[in-house]
Amino acid sequence: MEKAIKKQKIRFRIRKKISGSSAKPRLSVFRSNSDIYVQLIDDDHGKTLASASSRDKDIRAQKGTKTEKSKLVGSAIARKAGELGIKQCIFDRGGNLYHGRVKAVADGAREAGLEF
């Protein structure tokens, strides 16, 4: 239980400093044990502009490790952002370390043309 409280405090500390707008939304990452979810969020209006996850049909059909699928999730969110005309965003690691699957999402998004 203490670990969850620590992570929540880290999340609040990060969210105090960063906020997304419609021009430069926040790329929020949530990592569960089995899947990874990302959202582009406009905090000014409280709306989710786009989302992607490792549970999407096209990504779930791919073979590979969770890290490889995370990279595909990053490129999928970048593609959706491009369709909305979004080129820049603010990366929110959601209290996770910038390592492994979270880093793979960021790398996939950068390679697909999204700027942090």
PDB file of N, CA and C in Angstrom:
ATOM      1  N   MET A   1       0.826  -1.193   0.000  1.00  0.00           N
ATOM      2  CA  MET A   1       0.000   0.000   0.000  1.00  0.00           C
ATOM      3  C   MET A   1       0.869   1.255   0.000  1.00  0.00           C
ATOM      4  N   GLU A   2       1.978   1.205   0.723  1.00  0.00           N
ATOM      5  CA  GLU A   2       2.849   2.368   0.801  1.00  0.00           C
ATOM      6  C   GLU A   2       3.423   2.725  -0.573  1.00  0.00           C
ATOM      7  N   LYS A   3       3.689   1.722  -1.400  1.00  0.00           N
ATOM      8  CA  LYS A   3       4.232   1.947  -2.733  1.00  0.00           C
ATOM      9  C   LYS A   3       3.244   2.734  -3.586  1.00  0.00           C
ATOM     10  N   ALA A   4       1.961   2.401  -3.492  1.00  0.00           N
ATOM     11  CA  ALA A   4       0.923   3.103  -4.245  1.00  0.00           C
ATOM     12  C   ALA A   4       0.809   4.560  -3.802  1.00  0.00           C
ATOM     13  N   ILE A   5       0.932   4.803  -2.513  1.00  0.00           N
ATOM     14  CA  ILE A   5       0.859   6.168  -1.983  1.00  0.00           C
ATOM     15  C   ILE A   5       2.046   6.984  -2.481  1.00  0.00           C
ATOM     16  N   LYS A   6       3.237   6.379  -2.488  1.00  0.00           N
ATOM     17  CA  LYS A   6       4.433   7.057  -2.998  1.00  0.00           C
ATOM     18  C   LYS A   6       4.259   7.455  -4.462  1.00  0.00           C
ATOM     19  N   LYS A   7       3.745   6.510  -5.262  1.00  0.00           N
ATOM     20  CA  LYS A   7       3.558   6.775  -6.686  1.00  0.00           C
ATOM     21  C   LYS A   7       2.539   7.894  -6.895  1.00  0.00           C
ATOM     22  N   GLN A   8       1.484   7.905  -6.099  1.00  0.00           N
ATOM     23  CA  GLN A   8       0.460   8.945  -6.200  1.00  0.00           C
ATOM     24  C   GLN A   8       1.052  10.326  -5.881  1.00  0.00           C
ATOM     25  N   LYS A   9       1.919  10.386  -4.876  1.00  0.00           N
ATOM     26  CA  LYS A   9       2.577  11.652  -4.531  1.00  0.00           C
ATOM     27  C   LYS A   9       3.456  12.139  -5.676  1.00  0.00           C
ATOM     28  N   ILE A  10       4.166  11.207  -6.318  1.00  0.00           N
ATOM     29  CA  ILE A  10       5.006  11.562  -7.464  1.00  0.00           C
ATOM     30  C   ILE A  10       4.136  12.098  -8.597  1.00  0.00           C
ATOM     31  N   ARG A  11       3.000  11.433  -8.855  1.00  0.00           N
ATOM     32  CA  ARG A  11       2.076  11.879  -9.912  1.00  0.00           C
ATOM     33  C   ARG A  11       1.583  13.291  -9.642  1.00  0.00           C
ATOM     34  N   PHE A  12       1.200  13.570  -8.397  1.00  0.00           N
ATOM     35  CA  PHE A  12       0.710  14.905  -8.050  1.00  0.00           C
ATOM     36  C   PHE A  12       1.818  15.952  -8.216  1.00  0.00           C
ATOM     37  N   ARG A  13       3.052  15.585  -7.845  1.00  0.00           N
ATOM     38  CA  ARG A  13       4.173  16.511  -7.980  1.00  0.00           C
ATOM     39  C   ARG A  13       4.416  16.853  -9.452  1.00  0.00           C
ATOM     40  N   ILE A  14       4.324  15.841 -10.324  1.00  0.00           N
ATOM     41  CA  ILE A  14       4.511  16.061 -11.759  1.00  0.00           C
ATOM     42  C   ILE A  14       3.380  16.934 -12.308  1.00  0.00           C
ATOM     43  N   ARG A  15       2.144  16.628 -11.922  1.00  0.00           N
ATOM     44  CA  ARG A  15       0.972  17.337 -12.451  1.00  0.00           C
ATOM     45  C   ARG A  15       0.920  18.794 -11.990  1.00  0.00           C
ATOM     46  N   LYS A  16       1.577  19.114 -10.871  1.00  0.00           N
ATOM     47  CA  LYS A  16       1.637  20.497 -10.423  1.00  0.00           C
ATOM     48  C   LYS A  16       2.425  21.353 -11.406  1.00  0.00           C
ATOM     49  N   LYS A  17       3.426  20.734 -12.033  1.00  0.00           N
ATOM     50  CA  LYS A  17       4.345  21.460 -12.903  1.00  0.00           C
ATOM     51  C   LYS A  17       3.907  21.495 -14.364  1.00  0.00           C
ATOM     52  N   ILE A  18       3.200  20.458 -14.841  1.00  0.00           N
ATOM     53  CA  ILE A  18       2.868  20.395 -16.267  1.00  0.00           C
ATOM     54  C   ILE A  18       1.366  20.420 -16.494  1.00  0.00           C
ATOM     55  N   SER A  19       0.984  21.044 -17.598  1.00  0.00           N
ATOM     56  CA  SER A  19      -0.418  21.103 -17.980  1.00  0.00           C
ATOM     57  C   SER A  19      -0.493  21.181 -19.496  1.00  0.00           C
ATOM     58  N   GLY A  20      -1.490  20.564 -20.079  1.00  0.00           N
ATOM     59  CA  GLY A  20      -1.630  20.547 -21.522  1.00  0.00           C
ATOM     60  C   GLY A  20      -2.671  21.535 -21.996  1.00  0.00           C
ATOM     61  N   SER A  21      -2.498  22.030 -23.225  1.00  0.00           N
ATOM     62  CA  SER A  21      -3.475  22.919 -23.852  1.00  0.00           C
ATOM     63  C   SER A  21      -3.908  22.286 -25.164  1.00  0.00           C
ATOM     64  N   SER A  22      -4.828  22.936 -25.872  1.00  0.00           N
ATOM     65  CA  SER A  22      -5.281  22.357 -27.139  1.00  0.00           C
ATOM     66  C   SER A  22      -4.171  22.429 -28.187  1.00  0.00           C
ATOM     67  N   ALA A  23      -3.303  23.449 -28.099  1.00  0.00           N
ATOM     68  CA  ALA A  23      -2.191  23.567 -29.041  1.00  0.00           C
ATOM     69  C   ALA A  23      -1.063  22.593 -28.698  1.00  0.00           C
ATOM     70  N   LYS A  24      -0.818  22.394 -27.397  1.00  0.00           N
ATOM     71  CA  LYS A  24       0.261  21.516 -26.943  1.00  0.00           C
ATOM     72  C   LYS A  24      -0.284  20.642 -25.818  1.00  0.00           C
ATOM     73  N   PRO A  25      -0.981  19.540 -26.171  1.00  0.00           N
ATOM     74  CA  PRO A  25      -1.614  18.697 -25.143  1.00  0.00           C
ATOM     75  C   PRO A  25      -0.614  17.874 -24.342  1.00  0.00           C
ATOM     76  N   ARG A  26      -1.100  17.317 -23.263  1.00  0.00           N
ATOM     77  CA  ARG A  26      -0.288  16.471 -22.381  1.00  0.00           C
ATOM     78  C   ARG A  26      -0.426  15.021 -22.843  1.00  0.00           C
ATOM     79  N   LEU A  27       0.701  14.355 -23.051  1.00  0.00           N
ATOM     80  CA  LEU A  27       0.721  12.939 -23.424  1.00  0.00           C
ATOM     81  C   LEU A  27       0.860  12.140 -22.140  1.00  0.00           C
ATOM     82  N   SER A  28      -0.249  11.631 -21.632  1.00  0.00           N
ATOM     83  CA  SER A  28      -0.286  10.928 -20.356  1.00  0.00           C
ATOM     84  C   SER A  28      -0.135   9.429 -20.580  1.00  0.00           C
ATOM     85  N   VAL A  29       0.739   8.803 -19.790  1.00  0.00           N
ATOM     86  CA  VAL A  29       1.019   7.371 -19.914  1.00  0.00           C
ATOM     87  C   VAL A  29       0.540   6.655 -18.652  1.00  0.00           C
ATOM     88  N   PHE A  30      -0.233   5.582 -18.836  1.00  0.00           N
ATOM     89  CA  PHE A  30      -0.613   4.711 -17.732  1.00  0.00           C
ATOM     90  C   PHE A  30      -0.113   3.314 -18.061  1.00  0.00           C
ATOM     91  N   ARG A  31       0.616   2.734 -17.119  1.00  0.00           N
ATOM     92  CA  ARG A  31       1.200   1.416 -17.337  1.00  0.00           C
ATOM     93  C   ARG A  31       0.639   0.452 -16.306  1.00  0.00           C
ATOM     94  N   SER A  32      -0.039  -0.594 -16.793  1.00  0.00           N
ATOM     95  CA  SER A  32      -0.480  -1.665 -15.900  1.00  0.00           C
ATOM     96  C   SER A  32       0.504  -2.817 -16.053  1.00  0.00           C
ATOM     97  N   ASN A  33       0.272  -3.899 -15.345  1.00  0.00           N
ATOM     98  CA  ASN A  33       1.185  -5.037 -15.445  1.00  0.00           C
ATOM     99  C   ASN A  33       1.196  -5.642 -16.840  1.00  0.00           C
ATOM    100  N   SER A  34       0.043  -5.664 -17.501  1.00  0.00           N
ATOM    101  CA  SER A  34      -0.035  -6.341 -18.789  1.00  0.00           C
ATOM    102  C   SER A  34      -0.128  -5.397 -19.985  1.00  0.00           C
ATOM    103  N   ASP A  35      -0.663  -4.196 -19.807  1.00  0.00           N
ATOM    104  CA  ASP A  35      -0.898  -3.293 -20.935  1.00  0.00           C
ATOM    105  C   ASP A  35      -0.365  -1.894 -20.647  1.00  0.00           C
ATOM    106  N   ILE A  36      -0.386  -1.072 -21.706  1.00  0.00           N
ATOM    107  CA  ILE A  36       0.014   0.325 -21.558  1.00  0.00           C
ATOM    108  C   ILE A  36      -0.985   1.187 -22.321  1.00  0.00           C
ATOM    109  N   TYR A  37      -1.370   2.304 -21.735  1.00  0.00           N
ATOM    110  CA  TYR A  37      -2.380   3.191 -22.302  1.00  0.00           C
ATOM    111  C   TYR A  37      -1.813   4.606 -22.381  1.00  0.00           C
ATOM    112  N   VAL A  38      -2.072   5.317 -23.473  1.00  0.00           N
ATOM    113  CA  VAL A  38      -1.645   6.716 -23.594  1.00  0.00           C
ATOM    114  C   VAL A  38      -2.820   7.566 -24.061  1.00  0.00           C
ATOM    115  N   GLN A  39      -2.835   8.813 -23.602  1.00  0.00           N
ATOM    116  CA  GLN A  39      -3.879   9.753 -23.996  1.00  0.00           C
ATOM    117  C   GLN A  39      -3.253  11.104 -24.269  1.00  0.00           C
ATOM    118  N   LEU A  40      -3.797  11.821 -25.249  1.00  0.00           N
ATOM    119  CA  LEU A  40      -3.468  13.225 -25.449  1.00  0.00           C
ATOM    120  C   LEU A  40      -4.578  14.021 -24.789  1.00  0.00           C
ATOM    121  N   ILE A  41      -4.241  14.820 -23.780  1.00  0.00           N
ATOM    122  CA  ILE A  41      -5.249  15.492 -22.965  1.00  0.00           C
ATOM    123  C   ILE A  41      -5.095  17.003 -23.047  1.00  0.00           C
ATOM    124  N   ASP A  42      -6.210  17.691 -23.292  1.00  0.00           N
ATOM    125  CA  ASP A  42      -6.287  19.153 -23.238  1.00  0.00           C
ATOM    126  C   ASP A  42      -6.802  19.511 -21.857  1.00  0.00           C
ATOM    127  N   ASP A  43      -5.897  19.944 -20.957  1.00  0.00           N
ATOM    128  CA  ASP A  43      -6.284  20.234 -19.580  1.00  0.00           C
ATOM    129  C   ASP A  43      -7.100  21.519 -19.448  1.00  0.00           C
ATOM    130  N   ASP A  44      -6.977  22.439 -20.417  1.00  0.00           N
ATOM    131  CA  ASP A  44      -7.752  23.683 -20.358  1.00  0.00           C
ATOM    132  C   ASP A  44      -9.249  23.392 -20.422  1.00  0.00           C
ATOM    133  N   HIS A  45      -9.630  22.451 -21.291  1.00  0.00           N
ATOM    134  CA  HIS A  45     -11.045  22.104 -21.466  1.00  0.00           C
ATOM    135  C   HIS A  45     -11.410  20.776 -20.812  1.00  0.00           C
ATOM    136  N   GLY A  46     -10.421  20.060 -20.270  1.00  0.00           N
ATOM    137  CA  GLY A  46     -10.671  18.782 -19.615  1.00  0.00           C
ATOM    138  C   GLY A  46     -11.139  17.702 -20.568  1.00  0.00           C
ATOM    139  N   LYS A  47     -10.540  17.668 -21.774  1.00  0.00           N
ATOM    140  CA  LYS A  47     -10.967  16.694 -22.779  1.00  0.00           C
ATOM    141  C   LYS A  47      -9.793  15.839 -23.252  1.00  0.00           C
ATOM    142  N   THR A  48     -10.111  14.588 -23.554  1.00  0.00           N
ATOM    143  CA  THR A  48      -9.139  13.695 -24.170  1.00  0.00           C
ATOM    144  C   THR A  48      -9.259  13.850 -25.674  1.00  0.00           C
ATOM    145  N   LEU A  49      -8.160  14.229 -26.336  1.00  0.00           N
ATOM    146  CA  LEU A  49      -8.176  14.460 -27.777  1.00  0.00           C
ATOM    147  C   LEU A  49      -7.973  13.175 -28.569  1.00  0.00           C
ATOM    148  N   ALA A  50      -7.111  12.304 -28.075  1.00  0.00           N
ATOM    149  CA  ALA A  50      -6.849  11.028 -28.748  1.00  0.00           C
ATOM    150  C   ALA A  50      -6.301  10.039 -27.728  1.00  0.00           C
ATOM    151  N   SER A  51      -6.463   8.765 -28.021  1.00  0.00           N
ATOM    152  CA  SER A  51      -5.921   7.747 -27.125  1.00  0.00           C
ATOM    153  C   SER A  51      -5.481   6.528 -27.928  1.00  0.00           C
ATOM    154  N   ALA A  52      -4.596   5.758 -27.323  1.00  0.00           N
ATOM    155  CA  ALA A  52      -4.136   4.503 -27.918  1.00  0.00           C
ATOM    156  C   ALA A  52      -3.713   3.585 -26.778  1.00  0.00           C
ATOM    157  N   SER A  53      -3.772   2.303 -27.022  1.00  0.00           N
ATOM    158  CA  SER A  53      -3.338   1.356 -25.999  1.00  0.00           C
ATOM    159  C   SER A  53      -2.864   0.065 -26.646  1.00  0.00           C
ATOM    160  N   SER A  54      -2.234  -0.761 -25.835  1.00  0.00           N
ATOM    161  CA  SER A  54      -1.763  -2.059 -26.332  1.00  0.00           C
ATOM    162  C   SER A  54      -2.927  -3.032 -26.484  1.00  0.00           C
ATOM    163  N   ARG A  55      -4.133  -2.617 -26.095  1.00  0.00           N
ATOM    164  CA  ARG A  55      -5.322  -3.458 -26.260  1.00  0.00           C
ATOM    165  C   ARG A  55      -6.041  -3.206 -27.588  1.00  0.00           C
ATOM    166  N   ASP A  56      -5.588  -2.208 -28.360  1.00  0.00           N
ATOM    167  CA  ASP A  56      -6.179  -1.956 -29.673  1.00  0.00           C
ATOM    168  C   ASP A  56      -5.966  -3.177 -30.565  1.00  0.00           C
ATOM    169  N   LYS A  57      -6.931  -3.434 -31.459  1.00  0.00           N
ATOM    170  CA  LYS A  57      -6.904  -4.664 -32.264  1.00  0.00           C
ATOM    171  C   LYS A  57      -5.635  -4.798 -33.094  1.00  0.00           C
ATOM    172  N   ASP A  58      -5.211  -3.711 -33.761  1.00  0.00           N
ATOM    173  CA  ASP A  58      -4.044  -3.819 -34.638  1.00  0.00           C
ATOM    174  C   ASP A  58      -2.752  -4.050 -33.851  1.00  0.00           C
ATOM    175  N   ILE A  59      -2.663  -3.512 -32.640  1.00  0.00           N
ATOM    176  CA  ILE A  59      -1.456  -3.707 -31.821  1.00  0.00           C
ATOM    177  C   ILE A  59      -1.501  -5.070 -31.126  1.00  0.00           C
ATOM    178  N   ARG A  60      -2.667  -5.465 -30.658  1.00  0.00           N
ATOM    179  CA  ARG A  60      -2.820  -6.767 -29.982  1.00  0.00           C
ATOM    180  C   ARG A  60      -2.486  -7.917 -30.937  1.00  0.00           C
ATOM    181  N   ALA A  61      -2.760  -7.735 -32.235  1.00  0.00           N
ATOM    182  CA  ALA A  61      -2.508  -8.781 -33.223  1.00  0.00           C
ATOM    183  C   ALA A  61      -1.013  -8.983 -33.483  1.00  0.00           C
ATOM    184  N   GLN A  62      -0.191  -7.986 -33.154  1.00  0.00           N
ATOM    185  CA  GLN A  62       1.253  -8.080 -33.380  1.00  0.00           C
ATOM    186  C   GLN A  62       1.896  -9.047 -32.385  1.00  0.00           C
ATOM    187  N   LYS A  63       2.928  -9.708 -32.844  1.00  0.00           N
ATOM    188  CA  LYS A  63       3.716 -10.555 -31.953  1.00  0.00           C
ATOM    189  C   LYS A  63       4.852  -9.714 -31.390  1.00  0.00           C
ATOM    190  N   GLY A  64       5.288 -10.039 -30.194  1.00  0.00           N
ATOM    191  CA  GLY A  64       6.431  -9.334 -29.629  1.00  0.00           C
ATOM    192  C   GLY A  64       6.287  -9.135 -28.134  1.00  0.00           C
ATOM    193  N   THR A  65       7.319  -8.545 -27.552  1.00  0.00           N
ATOM    194  CA  THR A  65       7.318  -8.300 -26.117  1.00  0.00           C
ATOM    195  C   THR A  65       6.458  -7.082 -25.792  1.00  0.00           C
ATOM    196  N   LYS A  66       6.232  -6.864 -24.492  1.00  0.00           N
ATOM    197  CA  LYS A  66       5.440  -5.711 -24.059  1.00  0.00           C
ATOM    198  C   LYS A  66       6.140  -4.404 -24.418  1.00  0.00           C
ATOM    199  N   THR A  67       7.469  -4.400 -24.396  1.00  0.00           N
ATOM    200  CA  THR A  67       8.227  -3.205 -24.747  1.00  0.00           C
ATOM    201  C   THR A  67       8.069  -2.881 -26.228  1.00  0.00           C
ATOM    202  N   GLU A  68       8.109  -3.897 -27.072  1.00  0.00           N
ATOM    203  CA  GLU A  68       7.926  -3.682 -28.516  1.00  0.00           C
ATOM    204  C   GLU A  68       6.525  -3.174 -28.812  1.00  0.00           C
ATOM    205  N   LYS A  69       5.531  -3.713 -28.112  1.00  0.00           N
ATOM    206  CA  LYS A  69       4.158  -3.245 -28.299  1.00  0.00           C
ATOM    207  C   LYS A  69       3.998  -1.812 -27.809  1.00  0.00           C
ATOM    208  N   SER A  70       4.736  -1.443 -26.763  1.00  0.00           N
ATOM    209  CA  SER A  70       4.689  -0.082 -26.244  1.00  0.00           C
ATOM    210  C   SER A  70       5.190   0.912 -27.288  1.00  0.00           C
ATOM    211  N   LYS A  71       6.205   0.507 -28.030  1.00  0.00           N
ATOM    212  CA  LYS A  71       6.732   1.364 -29.097  1.00  0.00           C
ATOM    213  C   LYS A  71       5.674   1.561 -30.188  1.00  0.00           C
ATOM    214  N   LEU A  72       4.922   0.505 -30.493  1.00  0.00           N
ATOM    215  CA  LEU A  72       3.830   0.600 -31.465  1.00  0.00           C
ATOM    216  C   LEU A  72       2.727   1.535 -30.965  1.00  0.00           C
ATOM    217  N   VAL A  73       2.459   1.504 -29.655  1.00  0.00           N
ATOM    218  CA  VAL A  73       1.453   2.398 -29.058  1.00  0.00           C
ATOM    219  C   VAL A  73       1.897   3.848 -29.217  1.00  0.00           C
ATOM    220  N   GLY A  74       3.195   4.108 -29.014  1.00  0.00           N
ATOM    221  CA  GLY A  74       3.735   5.455 -29.191  1.00  0.00           C
ATOM    222  C   GLY A  74       3.582   5.949 -30.614  1.00  0.00           C
ATOM    223  N   SER A  75       3.863   5.092 -31.581  1.00  0.00           N
ATOM    224  CA  SER A  75       3.714   5.506 -32.980  1.00  0.00           C
ATOM    225  C   SER A  75       2.239   5.668 -33.352  1.00  0.00           C
ATOM    226  N   ALA A  76       1.354   4.874 -32.739  1.00  0.00           N
ATOM    227  CA  ALA A  76      -0.085   4.993 -33.019  1.00  0.00           C
ATOM    228  C   ALA A  76      -0.627   6.326 -32.507  1.00  0.00           C
ATOM    229  N   ILE A  77      -0.206   6.750 -31.306  1.00  0.00           N
ATOM    230  CA  ILE A  77      -0.693   8.014 -30.763  1.00  0.00           C
ATOM    231  C   ILE A  77      -0.127   9.186 -31.569  1.00  0.00           C
ATOM    232  N   ALA A  78       1.101   9.051 -32.053  1.00  0.00           N
ATOM    233  CA  ALA A  78       1.687  10.110 -32.881  1.00  0.00           C
ATOM    234  C   ALA A  78       0.941  10.237 -34.210  1.00  0.00           C
ATOM    235  N   ARG A  79       0.536   9.093 -34.775  1.00  0.00           N
ATOM    236  CA  ARG A  79      -0.232   9.109 -36.022  1.00  0.00           C
ATOM    237  C   ARG A  79      -1.575   9.801 -35.819  1.00  0.00           C
ATOM    238  N   LYS A  80      -2.255   9.479 -34.703  1.00  0.00           N
ATOM    239  CA  LYS A  80      -3.547  10.098 -34.398  1.00  0.00           C
ATOM    240  C   LYS A  80      -3.389  11.591 -34.137  1.00  0.00           C
ATOM    241  N   ALA A  81      -2.284  11.973 -33.490  1.00  0.00           N
ATOM    242  CA  ALA A  81      -2.022  13.389 -33.230  1.00  0.00           C
ATOM    243  C   ALA A  81      -1.791  14.129 -34.545  1.00  0.00           C
ATOM    244  N   GLY A  82      -1.083  13.498 -35.468  1.00  0.00           N
ATOM    245  CA  GLY A  82      -0.849  14.105 -36.782  1.00  0.00           C
ATOM    246  C   GLY A  82      -2.139  14.348 -37.538  1.00  0.00           C
ATOM    247  N   GLU A  83      -3.086  13.411 -37.416  1.00  0.00           N
ATOM    248  CA  GLU A  83      -4.386  13.577 -38.065  1.00  0.00           C
ATOM    249  C   GLU A  83      -5.144  14.762 -37.478  1.00  0.00           C
ATOM    250  N   LEU A  84      -4.915  15.052 -36.192  1.00  0.00           N
ATOM    251  CA  LEU A  84      -5.565  16.189 -35.530  1.00  0.00           C
ATOM    252  C   LEU A  84      -4.787  17.488 -35.725  1.00  0.00           C
ATOM    253  N   GLY A  85      -3.626  17.415 -36.385  1.00  0.00           N
ATOM    254  CA  GLY A  85      -2.805  18.593 -36.615  1.00  0.00           C
ATOM    255  C   GLY A  85      -1.947  18.980 -35.424  1.00  0.00           C
ATOM    256  N   ILE A  86      -1.664  18.021 -34.544  1.00  0.00           N
ATOM    257  CA  ILE A  86      -0.842  18.285 -33.366  1.00  0.00           C
ATOM    258  C   ILE A  86       0.571  17.792 -33.639  1.00  0.00           C
ATOM    259  N   LYS A  87       1.542  18.690 -33.490  1.00  0.00           N
ATOM    260  CA  LYS A  87       2.934  18.328 -33.729  1.00  0.00           C
ATOM    261  C   LYS A  87       3.755  18.286 -32.447  1.00  0.00           C
ATOM    262  N   GLN A  88       3.306  19.010 -31.405  1.00  0.00           N
ATOM    263  CA  GLN A  88       4.045  19.067 -30.153  1.00  0.00           C
ATOM    264  C   GLN A  88       3.155  18.658 -28.992  1.00  0.00           C
ATOM    265  N   CYS A  89       3.767  18.092 -27.962  1.00  0.00           N
ATOM    266  CA  CYS A  89       3.027  17.731 -26.755  1.00  0.00           C
ATOM    267  C   CYS A  89       3.960  17.781 -25.559  1.00  0.00           C
ATOM    268  N   ILE A  90       3.390  17.638 -24.380  1.00  0.00           N
ATOM    269  CA  ILE A  90       4.146  17.599 -23.134  1.00  0.00           C
ATOM    270  C   ILE A  90       4.045  16.175 -22.605  1.00  0.00           C
ATOM    271  N   PHE A  91       5.179  15.538 -22.310  1.00  0.00           N
ATOM    272  CA  PHE A  91       5.185  14.136 -21.885  1.00  0.00           C
ATOM    273  C   PHE A  91       4.950  14.030 -20.388  1.00  0.00           C
ATOM    274  N   ASP A  92       3.956  13.232 -20.002  1.00  0.00           N
ATOM    275  CA  ASP A  92       3.629  12.977 -18.596  1.00  0.00           C
ATOM    276  C   ASP A  92       3.830  11.488 -18.344  1.00  0.00           C
ATOM    277  N   ARG A  93       4.877  11.136 -17.612  1.00  0.00           N
ATOM    278  CA  ARG A  93       5.205   9.727 -17.393  1.00  0.00           C
ATOM    279  C   ARG A  93       4.314   9.074 -16.349  1.00  0.00           C
ATOM    280  N   GLY A  94       3.436   9.817 -15.721  1.00  0.00           N
ATOM    281  CA  GLY A  94       2.444   9.262 -14.814  1.00  0.00           C
ATOM    282  C   GLY A  94       3.002   8.616 -13.559  1.00  0.00           C
ATOM    283  N   GLY A  95       4.117   9.121 -13.046  1.00  0.00           N
ATOM    284  CA  GLY A  95       4.692   8.569 -11.825  1.00  0.00           C
ATOM    285  C   GLY A  95       5.586   7.370 -12.055  1.00  0.00           C
ATOM    286  N   ASN A  96       5.676   6.898 -13.294  1.00  0.00           N
ATOM    287  CA  ASN A  96       6.555   5.776 -13.606  1.00  0.00           C
ATOM    288  C   ASN A  96       7.951   6.299 -13.900  1.00  0.00           C
ATOM    289  N   LEU A  97       8.950   5.442 -13.751  1.00  0.00           N
ATOM    290  CA  LEU A  97      10.299   5.813 -14.135  1.00  0.00           C
ATOM    291  C   LEU A  97      10.373   5.902 -15.649  1.00  0.00           C
ATOM    292  N   TYR A  98      11.184   6.836 -16.155  1.00  0.00           N
ATOM    293  CA  TYR A  98      11.369   6.961 -17.607  1.00  0.00           C
ATOM    294  C   TYR A  98      12.355   5.875 -18.030  1.00  0.00           C
ATOM    295  N   HIS A  99      11.804   4.665 -18.210  1.00  0.00           N
ATOM    296  CA  HIS A  99      12.640   3.496 -18.400  1.00  0.00           C
ATOM    297  C   HIS A  99      11.740   2.403 -18.957  1.00  0.00           C
ATOM    298  N   GLY A 100      12.274   1.519 -19.755  1.00  0.00           N
ATOM    299  CA  GLY A 100      11.510   0.364 -20.216  1.00  0.00           C
ATOM    300  C   GLY A 100      10.347   0.721 -21.116  1.00  0.00           C
ATOM    301  N   ARG A 101       9.148   0.304 -20.712  1.00  0.00           N
ATOM    302  CA  ARG A 101       7.959   0.494 -21.558  1.00  0.00           C
ATOM    303  C   ARG A 101       7.571   1.960 -21.711  1.00  0.00           C
ATOM    304  N   VAL A 102       7.748   2.759 -20.653  1.00  0.00           N
ATOM    305  CA  VAL A 102       7.415   4.188 -20.727  1.00  0.00           C
ATOM    306  C   VAL A 102       8.353   4.878 -21.710  1.00  0.00           C
ATOM    307  N   LYS A 103       9.628   4.539 -21.667  1.00  0.00           N
ATOM    308  CA  LYS A 103      10.608   5.105 -22.599  1.00  0.00           C
ATOM    309  C   LYS A 103      10.319   4.638 -24.024  1.00  0.00           C
ATOM    310  N   ALA A 104       9.871   3.397 -24.185  1.00  0.00           N
ATOM    311  CA  ALA A 104       9.546   2.865 -25.512  1.00  0.00           C
ATOM    312  C   ALA A 104       8.387   3.632 -26.135  1.00  0.00           C
ATOM    313  N   VAL A 105       7.393   4.010 -25.339  1.00  0.00           N
ATOM    314  CA  VAL A 105       6.274   4.816 -25.840  1.00  0.00           C
ATOM    315  C   VAL A 105       6.799   6.152 -26.349  1.00  0.00           C
ATOM    316  N   ALA A 106       7.657   6.797 -25.551  1.00  0.00           N
ATOM    317  CA  ALA A 106       8.210   8.092 -25.937  1.00  0.00           C
ATOM    318  C   ALA A 106       9.046   7.979 -27.211  1.00  0.00           C
ATOM    319  N   ASP A 107       9.864   6.944 -27.309  1.00  0.00           N
ATOM    320  CA  ASP A 107      10.695   6.749 -28.498  1.00  0.00           C
ATOM    321  C   ASP A 107       9.845   6.506 -29.736  1.00  0.00           C
ATOM    322  N   GLY A 108       8.804   5.684 -29.602  1.00  0.00           N
ATOM    323  CA  GLY A 108       7.906   5.411 -30.724  1.00  0.00           C
ATOM    324  C   GLY A 108       7.191   6.656 -31.199  1.00  0.00           C
ATOM    325  N   ALA A 109       6.765   7.490 -30.259  1.00  0.00           N
ATOM    326  CA  ALA A 109       6.076   8.737 -30.614  1.00  0.00           C
ATOM    327  C   ALA A 109       7.033   9.720 -31.303  1.00  0.00           C
ATOM    328  N   ARG A 110       8.251   9.799 -30.788  1.00  0.00           N
ATOM    329  CA  ARG A 110       9.249  10.702 -31.398  1.00  0.00           C
ATOM    330  C   ARG A 110       9.592  10.270 -32.818  1.00  0.00           C
ATOM    331  N   GLU A 111       9.777   8.967 -33.015  1.00  0.00           N
ATOM    332  CA  GLU A 111      10.128   8.460 -34.341  1.00  0.00           C
ATOM    333  C   GLU A 111       9.013   8.698 -35.348  1.00  0.00           C
ATOM    334  N   ALA A 112       7.761   8.731 -34.859  1.00  0.00           N
ATOM    335  CA  ALA A 112       6.624   8.951 -35.758  1.00  0.00           C
ATOM    336  C   ALA A 112       6.350  10.433 -35.971  1.00  0.00           C
ATOM    337  N   GLY A 113       7.164  11.319 -35.355  1.00  0.00           N
ATOM    338  CA  GLY A 113       7.060  12.738 -35.669  1.00  0.00           C
ATOM    339  C   GLY A 113       6.492  13.640 -34.600  1.00  0.00           C
ATOM    340  N   LEU A 114       6.213  13.123 -33.418  1.00  0.00           N
ATOM    341  CA  LEU A 114       5.695  13.951 -32.335  1.00  0.00           C
ATOM    342  C   LEU A 114       6.867  14.547 -31.561  1.00  0.00           C
ATOM    343  N   GLU A 115       6.790  15.841 -31.241  1.00  0.00           N
ATOM    344  CA  GLU A 115       7.875  16.514 -30.534  1.00  0.00           C
ATOM    345  C   GLU A 115       7.491  16.753 -29.087  1.00  0.00           C
ATOM    346  N   PHE A 116       8.444  16.509 -28.166  1.00  0.00           N
ATOM    347  CA  PHE A 116       8.217  16.765 -26.738  1.00  0.00           C
ATOM    348  C   PHE A 116       8.976  18.023 -26.359  1.00  0.00           C
TER     349      PHE A 116
END
